[in-house]
Amino acid sequence: MAASTHALAGFSEIAGRFDLCFCDVWGVVHNGVAAFPEAVDALIRMRERGTSVVLMTNAPRPAELIARQLDGFGVPRSAWDAIVTSGDVCRSLIAARAGQPLFRIGPDRDLPLTAGLEAPEAKAEDASYVLCTGLFDDEVDTPETYLEMLQGMAARGLEMICANPDLVVERGGRIVPCAGSVALAYEEMGGKAIYAGKPHRPIYEAGLALAEQKRGSAVARERICAIGDAIRTDIAGADAFGVTGVMVLAGIHAQDLMEASWEARHGWFAGQTHRPHYALPHLIW
């Protein structure tokens, strides 16, 4: 873990130190409604100076769907080299259970996650495991909505594959719960959860492999940074993978950090389980 956090005015202050950047998407590049133009500009400038950019997201969908979403937000493909998603990692976990019936918790928009896989859906009482991609209706439901259902599954010893370890995410200025909050509730009642995305190693290993394939050479850990807005996933994951953590303050922790002085921010970082090496209000060059 970083001993201290250095304040940045822009990423250009440290850009020369890195050959590869793992960049979070939701909360850094867009807010679920629109892209942040200065963040997009920063990513383009990184690539222009030779830094590879791998967008790394806990979205429970295949990378190509995220690429199309970014197209819709006006993010040019010149802003990134590759995308790796929690959904990509999750598909490999589902494939390893080919043919076993699953009970799915999450909205129908996440159905592409299991497309083409032997992943028959079943009622909770008939399932061999649980796949959680989110809440059925994240505008209304909370993990507490599902407590009785989760208790029944935990009593049967069903493993839960969590396709998105995020607890919450910002959507157009609102904070809504994610699959990680359901998985956490499941663990707290004795259930077992397996996480596909950040802060766990598989998604970082996949991202590194993609970058090295495109670059045609290995990348040293000290030449990698990871940018994100969440301590629990982005910064903890960077720390565990041995790369430099850079935190955007205007994401899910904005209420604690955006109006605070830098002195107060440093105090806040000191009270967290992990702290970034660098921090800046928004991703800008």
Protein backbone atom coordinates (compact mmCIF):
# COMPACT_ATOMS: atom_id res chain seq x y z
CA MET A 1 0.00 0.00 0.00
CA ALA A 2 1.19 3.51 -0.77
CA ALA A 3 2.70 5.28 2.25
CA SER A 4 1.24 8.60 1.10
CA THR A 5 -0.92 10.02 -1.66
CA HIS A 6 0.41 12.72 -3.98
CA ALA A 7 -2.00 15.31 -5.40
CA LEU A 8 -1.95 15.80 -9.17
CA ALA A 9 -3.23 18.69 -11.25
CA GLY A 10 -3.23 16.45 -14.33
CA PHE A 11 -2.07 13.01 -15.41
CA SER A 12 0.64 14.52 -17.64
CA GLU A 13 2.72 15.08 -14.48
CA ILE A 14 3.39 11.34 -14.22
CA ALA A 15 2.59 10.07 -17.74
CA GLY A 16 6.23 9.42 -18.64
CA ARG A 17 6.51 6.77 -15.91
CA PHE A 18 4.08 4.33 -17.52
CA ASP A 19 3.92 2.05 -20.55
CA LEU A 20 0.49 0.65 -19.67
CA CYS A 21 -2.59 2.14 -18.06
CA PHE A 22 -5.50 0.09 -16.76
CA CYS A 23 -8.36 2.58 -16.73
CA ASP A 24 -11.70 2.12 -15.04
CA VAL A 25 -14.66 3.09 -17.21
CA TRP A 26 -17.79 3.99 -15.24
CA GLY A 27 -16.98 6.93 -12.96
CA VAL A 28 -13.77 7.81 -14.80
CA VAL A 29 -14.55 7.86 -18.54
CA HIS A 30 -18.33 8.28 -18.23
CA ASN A 31 -21.08 8.52 -15.62
CA GLY A 32 -23.51 6.07 -17.18
CA VAL A 33 -25.20 8.84 -19.16
CA ALA A 34 -22.43 10.78 -20.90
CA ALA A 35 -18.68 10.64 -21.44
CA PHE A 36 -16.28 13.04 -19.73
CA PRO A 37 -14.52 14.88 -22.61
CA GLU A 38 -11.38 15.72 -20.61
CA ALA A 39 -10.95 12.08 -19.59
CA VAL A 40 -11.29 10.96 -23.20
CA ASP A 41 -8.71 13.57 -24.22
CA ALA A 42 -6.32 12.31 -21.52
CA LEU A 43 -6.57 8.72 -22.77
CA ILE A 44 -5.91 9.80 -26.36
CA ARG A 45 -2.86 11.76 -25.23
CA MET A 46 -1.56 8.75 -23.27
CA ARG A 47 -1.70 6.63 -26.38
CA GLU A 48 -0.08 9.34 -28.50
CA ARG A 49 2.95 9.27 -26.22
CA GLY A 50 3.19 5.45 -26.37
CA THR A 51 1.26 4.32 -23.29
CA SER A 52 -1.12 1.44 -23.98
CA VAL A 53 -4.61 1.92 -22.54
CA VAL A 54 -6.65 -1.08 -21.44
CA LEU A 55 -10.12 -0.13 -20.26
CA MET A 56 -10.94 -2.38 -17.30
CA THR A 57 -14.50 -2.53 -16.08
CA ASN A 58 -16.57 -4.56 -13.67
CA ALA A 59 -19.48 -4.41 -16.11
CA PRO A 60 -21.03 -7.90 -16.35
CA ARG A 61 -21.12 -7.81 -20.15
CA PRO A 62 -18.73 -8.86 -22.94
CA ALA A 63 -16.14 -6.32 -24.05
CA GLU A 64 -17.72 -5.72 -27.47
CA LEU A 65 -20.94 -4.49 -25.85
CA ILE A 66 -18.92 -2.03 -23.76
CA ALA A 67 -17.17 -0.86 -26.93
CA ARG A 68 -20.54 -0.19 -28.55
CA GLN A 69 -21.74 1.67 -25.47
CA LEU A 70 -18.65 3.88 -25.59
CA ASP A 71 -19.26 4.47 -29.30
CA GLY A 72 -22.72 5.70 -28.35
CA PHE A 73 -21.23 8.08 -25.80
CA GLY A 74 -18.92 9.50 -28.46
CA VAL A 75 -15.72 7.93 -27.09
CA PRO A 76 -13.47 7.32 -30.12
CA ARG A 77 -11.73 3.99 -30.42
CA SER A 78 -8.47 5.95 -30.60
CA ALA A 79 -8.87 6.42 -26.83
CA TRP A 80 -8.12 2.78 -25.99
CA ASP A 81 -6.19 -0.27 -27.14
CA ALA A 82 -8.32 -3.00 -25.56
CA ILE A 83 -11.20 -3.60 -23.16
CA VAL A 84 -11.39 -6.31 -20.52
CA THR A 85 -14.56 -6.79 -18.50
CA SER A 86 -15.72 -8.66 -15.47
CA GLY A 87 -18.15 -10.26 -17.90
CA ASP A 88 -15.30 -11.74 -19.94
CA VAL A 89 -13.80 -13.34 -16.83
CA CYS A 90 -17.25 -14.42 -15.65
CA ARG A 91 -17.93 -16.28 -18.91
CA SER A 92 -14.88 -18.47 -18.29
CA LEU A 93 -16.23 -19.33 -14.82
CA ILE A 94 -19.62 -20.23 -16.30
CA ALA A 95 -18.01 -22.25 -19.09
CA ALA A 96 -16.22 -24.32 -16.44
CA ARG A 97 -19.70 -25.31 -15.17
CA ALA A 98 -21.10 -26.16 -18.60
CA GLY A 99 -24.50 -27.80 -18.44
CA GLN A 100 -25.14 -27.11 -14.78
CA PRO A 101 -28.42 -25.25 -14.12
CA LEU A 102 -28.05 -21.76 -12.70
CA PHE A 103 -30.32 -19.29 -10.98
CA ARG A 104 -29.76 -15.78 -12.30
CA ILE A 105 -30.13 -12.60 -10.26
CA GLY A 106 -29.99 -9.52 -12.43
CA PRO A 107 -31.68 -7.57 -15.23
CA ASP A 108 -32.38 -9.02 -18.65
CA ARG A 109 -29.97 -6.53 -20.22
CA ASP A 110 -27.18 -8.78 -18.90
CA LEU A 111 -28.39 -11.86 -20.82
CA PRO A 112 -25.58 -11.50 -23.42
CA LEU A 113 -23.23 -12.62 -20.63
CA THR A 114 -24.36 -16.24 -21.02
CA ALA A 115 -25.08 -16.19 -24.77
CA GLY A 116 -23.57 -19.21 -26.50
CA LEU A 117 -22.70 -20.98 -23.25
CA GLU A 118 -24.22 -24.16 -21.84
CA ALA A 119 -25.86 -22.28 -18.97
CA PRO A 120 -29.48 -23.37 -18.57
CA GLU A 121 -31.51 -21.22 -16.18
CA ALA A 122 -33.57 -22.82 -13.42
CA LYS A 123 -35.59 -21.87 -10.37
CA ALA A 124 -33.56 -21.21 -7.24
CA GLU A 125 -34.58 -24.53 -5.67
CA ASP A 126 -33.42 -26.47 -8.75
CA ALA A 127 -30.16 -24.61 -9.44
CA SER A 128 -26.62 -25.91 -8.95
CA TYR A 129 -25.18 -22.41 -8.53
CA VAL A 130 -26.15 -18.74 -8.66
CA LEU A 131 -25.09 -16.09 -11.15
CA CYS A 132 -25.51 -12.51 -9.92
CA THR A 133 -25.05 -9.78 -12.52
CA GLY A 134 -26.89 -7.10 -10.56
CA LEU A 135 -30.28 -6.48 -9.02
CA PHE A 136 -33.50 -7.25 -10.87
CA ASP A 137 -34.39 -3.55 -10.64
CA ASP A 138 -31.55 -1.43 -9.28
CA GLU A 139 -33.76 1.67 -9.27
CA VAL A 140 -36.00 0.09 -6.62
CA ASP A 141 -34.43 -3.04 -5.11
CA THR A 142 -31.70 -3.29 -2.48
CA PRO A 143 -29.86 -6.40 -1.23
CA GLU A 144 -32.30 -6.49 1.68
CA THR A 145 -35.08 -7.10 -0.86
CA TYR A 146 -33.57 -10.53 -1.51
CA LEU A 147 -32.67 -11.65 2.02
CA GLU A 148 -35.18 -14.51 2.24
CA MET A 149 -34.19 -15.81 -1.19
CA LEU A 150 -30.47 -15.54 -0.38
CA GLN A 151 -30.92 -17.35 2.93
CA GLY A 152 -32.53 -20.26 1.14
CA MET A 153 -29.67 -20.50 -1.34
CA ALA A 154 -27.05 -20.22 1.39
CA ALA A 155 -28.76 -23.02 3.31
CA ARG A 156 -28.37 -25.23 0.23
CA GLY A 157 -24.68 -24.33 -0.05
CA LEU A 158 -24.94 -22.82 -3.54
CA GLU A 159 -21.92 -20.91 -4.79
CA MET A 160 -22.62 -17.46 -6.20
CA ILE A 161 -20.62 -16.17 -9.15
CA CYS A 162 -20.63 -12.38 -8.83
CA ALA A 163 -20.21 -10.84 -12.27
CA ASN A 164 -19.67 -7.30 -10.94
CA PRO A 165 -17.87 -6.89 -7.59
CA ASP A 166 -18.77 -3.19 -7.37
CA LEU A 167 -21.00 -2.36 -4.40
CA VAL A 168 -22.47 0.77 -5.98
CA VAL A 169 -22.07 2.89 -9.08
CA GLU A 170 -23.02 6.44 -10.07
CA ARG A 171 -25.69 6.72 -12.73
CA GLY A 172 -26.36 10.25 -13.87
CA GLY A 173 -25.66 11.71 -10.43
CA ARG A 174 -27.46 8.94 -8.47
CA ILE A 175 -25.81 6.10 -6.56
CA VAL A 176 -27.35 2.71 -7.33
CA PRO A 177 -26.45 -0.76 -5.94
CA CYS A 178 -24.50 -3.32 -7.95
CA ALA A 179 -24.05 -7.10 -7.85
CA GLY A 180 -21.23 -6.81 -5.33
CA SER A 181 -23.66 -5.57 -2.70
CA VAL A 182 -25.78 -8.72 -3.17
CA ALA A 183 -22.72 -10.97 -3.01
CA LEU A 184 -21.53 -9.23 0.15
CA ALA A 185 -24.92 -9.79 1.79
CA TYR A 186 -24.71 -13.45 0.72
CA GLU A 187 -21.27 -13.86 2.29
CA GLU A 188 -22.40 -12.19 5.50
CA MET A 189 -25.06 -14.90 5.95
CA GLY A 190 -22.55 -17.69 5.29
CA GLY A 191 -22.85 -18.09 1.52
CA LYS A 192 -19.81 -18.48 -0.74
CA ALA A 193 -19.22 -15.89 -3.47
CA ILE A 194 -16.72 -16.02 -6.33
CA TYR A 195 -15.84 -12.64 -7.84
CA ALA A 196 -14.98 -12.22 -11.51
CA GLY A 197 -13.69 -8.63 -11.60
CA LYS A 198 -11.66 -6.04 -9.70
CA PRO A 199 -10.02 -6.19 -7.19
CA HIS A 200 -9.30 -9.86 -7.95
CA ARG A 201 -6.28 -10.95 -9.98
CA PRO A 202 -7.88 -12.70 -13.00
CA ILE A 203 -9.10 -9.49 -14.64
CA TYR A 204 -5.69 -7.82 -14.22
CA GLU A 205 -3.92 -10.86 -15.65
CA ALA A 206 -6.29 -10.81 -18.62
CA GLY A 207 -5.71 -7.09 -19.14
CA LEU A 208 -1.94 -7.48 -18.98
CA ALA A 209 -2.01 -10.35 -21.47
CA LEU A 210 -4.03 -8.24 -23.93
CA ALA A 211 -1.63 -5.31 -23.59
CA GLU A 212 1.50 -7.41 -23.99
CA GLN A 213 0.02 -9.11 -27.03
CA LYS A 214 -0.69 -5.77 -28.68
CA ARG A 215 2.67 -4.26 -27.70
CA GLY A 216 4.60 -7.38 -28.66
CA SER A 217 6.64 -7.24 -25.45
CA ALA A 218 6.38 -7.70 -21.71
CA VAL A 219 5.50 -4.78 -19.45
CA ALA A 220 7.18 -4.41 -16.05
CA ARG A 221 4.84 -3.91 -13.11
CA GLU A 222 6.54 -0.66 -12.13
CA ARG A 223 5.61 0.70 -15.58
CA ILE A 224 1.88 0.06 -15.07
CA CYS A 225 -0.72 2.32 -13.47
CA ALA A 226 -4.37 1.68 -12.70
CA ILE A 227 -6.83 4.60 -12.65
CA GLY A 228 -10.16 4.30 -10.85
CA ASP A 229 -12.64 5.95 -8.52
CA ALA A 230 -13.27 3.20 -5.94
CA ILE A 231 -11.02 2.27 -3.02
CA ARG A 232 -12.51 -1.23 -2.58
CA THR A 233 -12.09 -2.33 -6.20
CA ASP A 234 -9.79 -0.06 -8.23
CA ILE A 235 -7.24 0.94 -5.63
CA ALA A 236 -7.27 -2.34 -3.71
CA GLY A 237 -6.87 -4.22 -6.98
CA ALA A 238 -3.97 -2.06 -8.13
CA ASP A 239 -2.26 -2.57 -4.79
CA ALA A 240 -2.73 -6.35 -4.87
CA PHE A 241 -1.42 -6.57 -8.44
CA GLY A 242 1.65 -4.51 -7.61
CA VAL A 243 0.93 -1.51 -9.85
CA THR A 244 0.59 2.23 -9.21
CA GLY A 245 -2.88 3.31 -8.13
CA VAL A 246 -4.27 6.64 -9.35
CA MET A 247 -7.60 7.74 -7.92
CA VAL A 248 -10.23 9.99 -9.48
CA LEU A 249 -12.04 11.76 -6.64
CA ALA A 250 -15.23 12.66 -8.51
CA GLY A 251 -16.62 9.13 -8.61
CA ILE A 252 -18.43 7.10 -5.98
CA HIS A 253 -16.51 8.77 -3.13
CA ALA A 254 -17.28 12.28 -4.40
CA GLN A 255 -19.50 13.12 -1.42
CA ASP A 256 -16.56 12.59 0.94
CA LEU A 257 -13.82 14.06 -1.21
CA MET A 258 -14.81 16.65 -3.81
CA GLU A 259 -15.62 19.50 -1.43
CA ALA A 260 -12.86 18.61 1.03
CA SER A 261 -9.45 20.28 1.29
CA TRP A 262 -6.39 18.27 0.34
CA GLU A 263 -5.53 18.06 4.03
CA ALA A 264 -8.93 16.47 4.72
CA ARG A 265 -8.54 14.19 1.72
CA HIS A 266 -5.19 12.91 3.00
CA GLY A 267 -6.83 12.20 6.34
CA TRP A 268 -9.61 10.29 4.58
CA PHE A 269 -7.12 8.19 2.63
CA ALA A 270 -5.29 7.35 5.87
CA GLY A 271 -8.49 5.84 7.24
CA GLN A 272 -9.07 3.49 4.30
CA THR A 273 -8.00 -0.13 3.85
CA HIS A 274 -5.98 0.96 0.78
CA ARG A 275 -4.75 4.29 -0.45
CA PRO A 276 -3.72 5.44 -3.93
CA HIS A 277 -0.24 6.62 -4.85
CA TYR A 278 -1.75 9.60 -6.69
CA ALA A 279 -5.11 11.39 -6.76
CA LEU A 280 -6.77 14.09 -8.84
CA PRO A 281 -10.36 15.39 -8.92
CA HIS A 282 -11.08 14.27 -12.50
CA LEU A 283 -9.05 12.45 -15.11
CA ILE A 284 -7.54 15.27 -17.13
CA TRP A 285 -4.27 15.58 -18.99
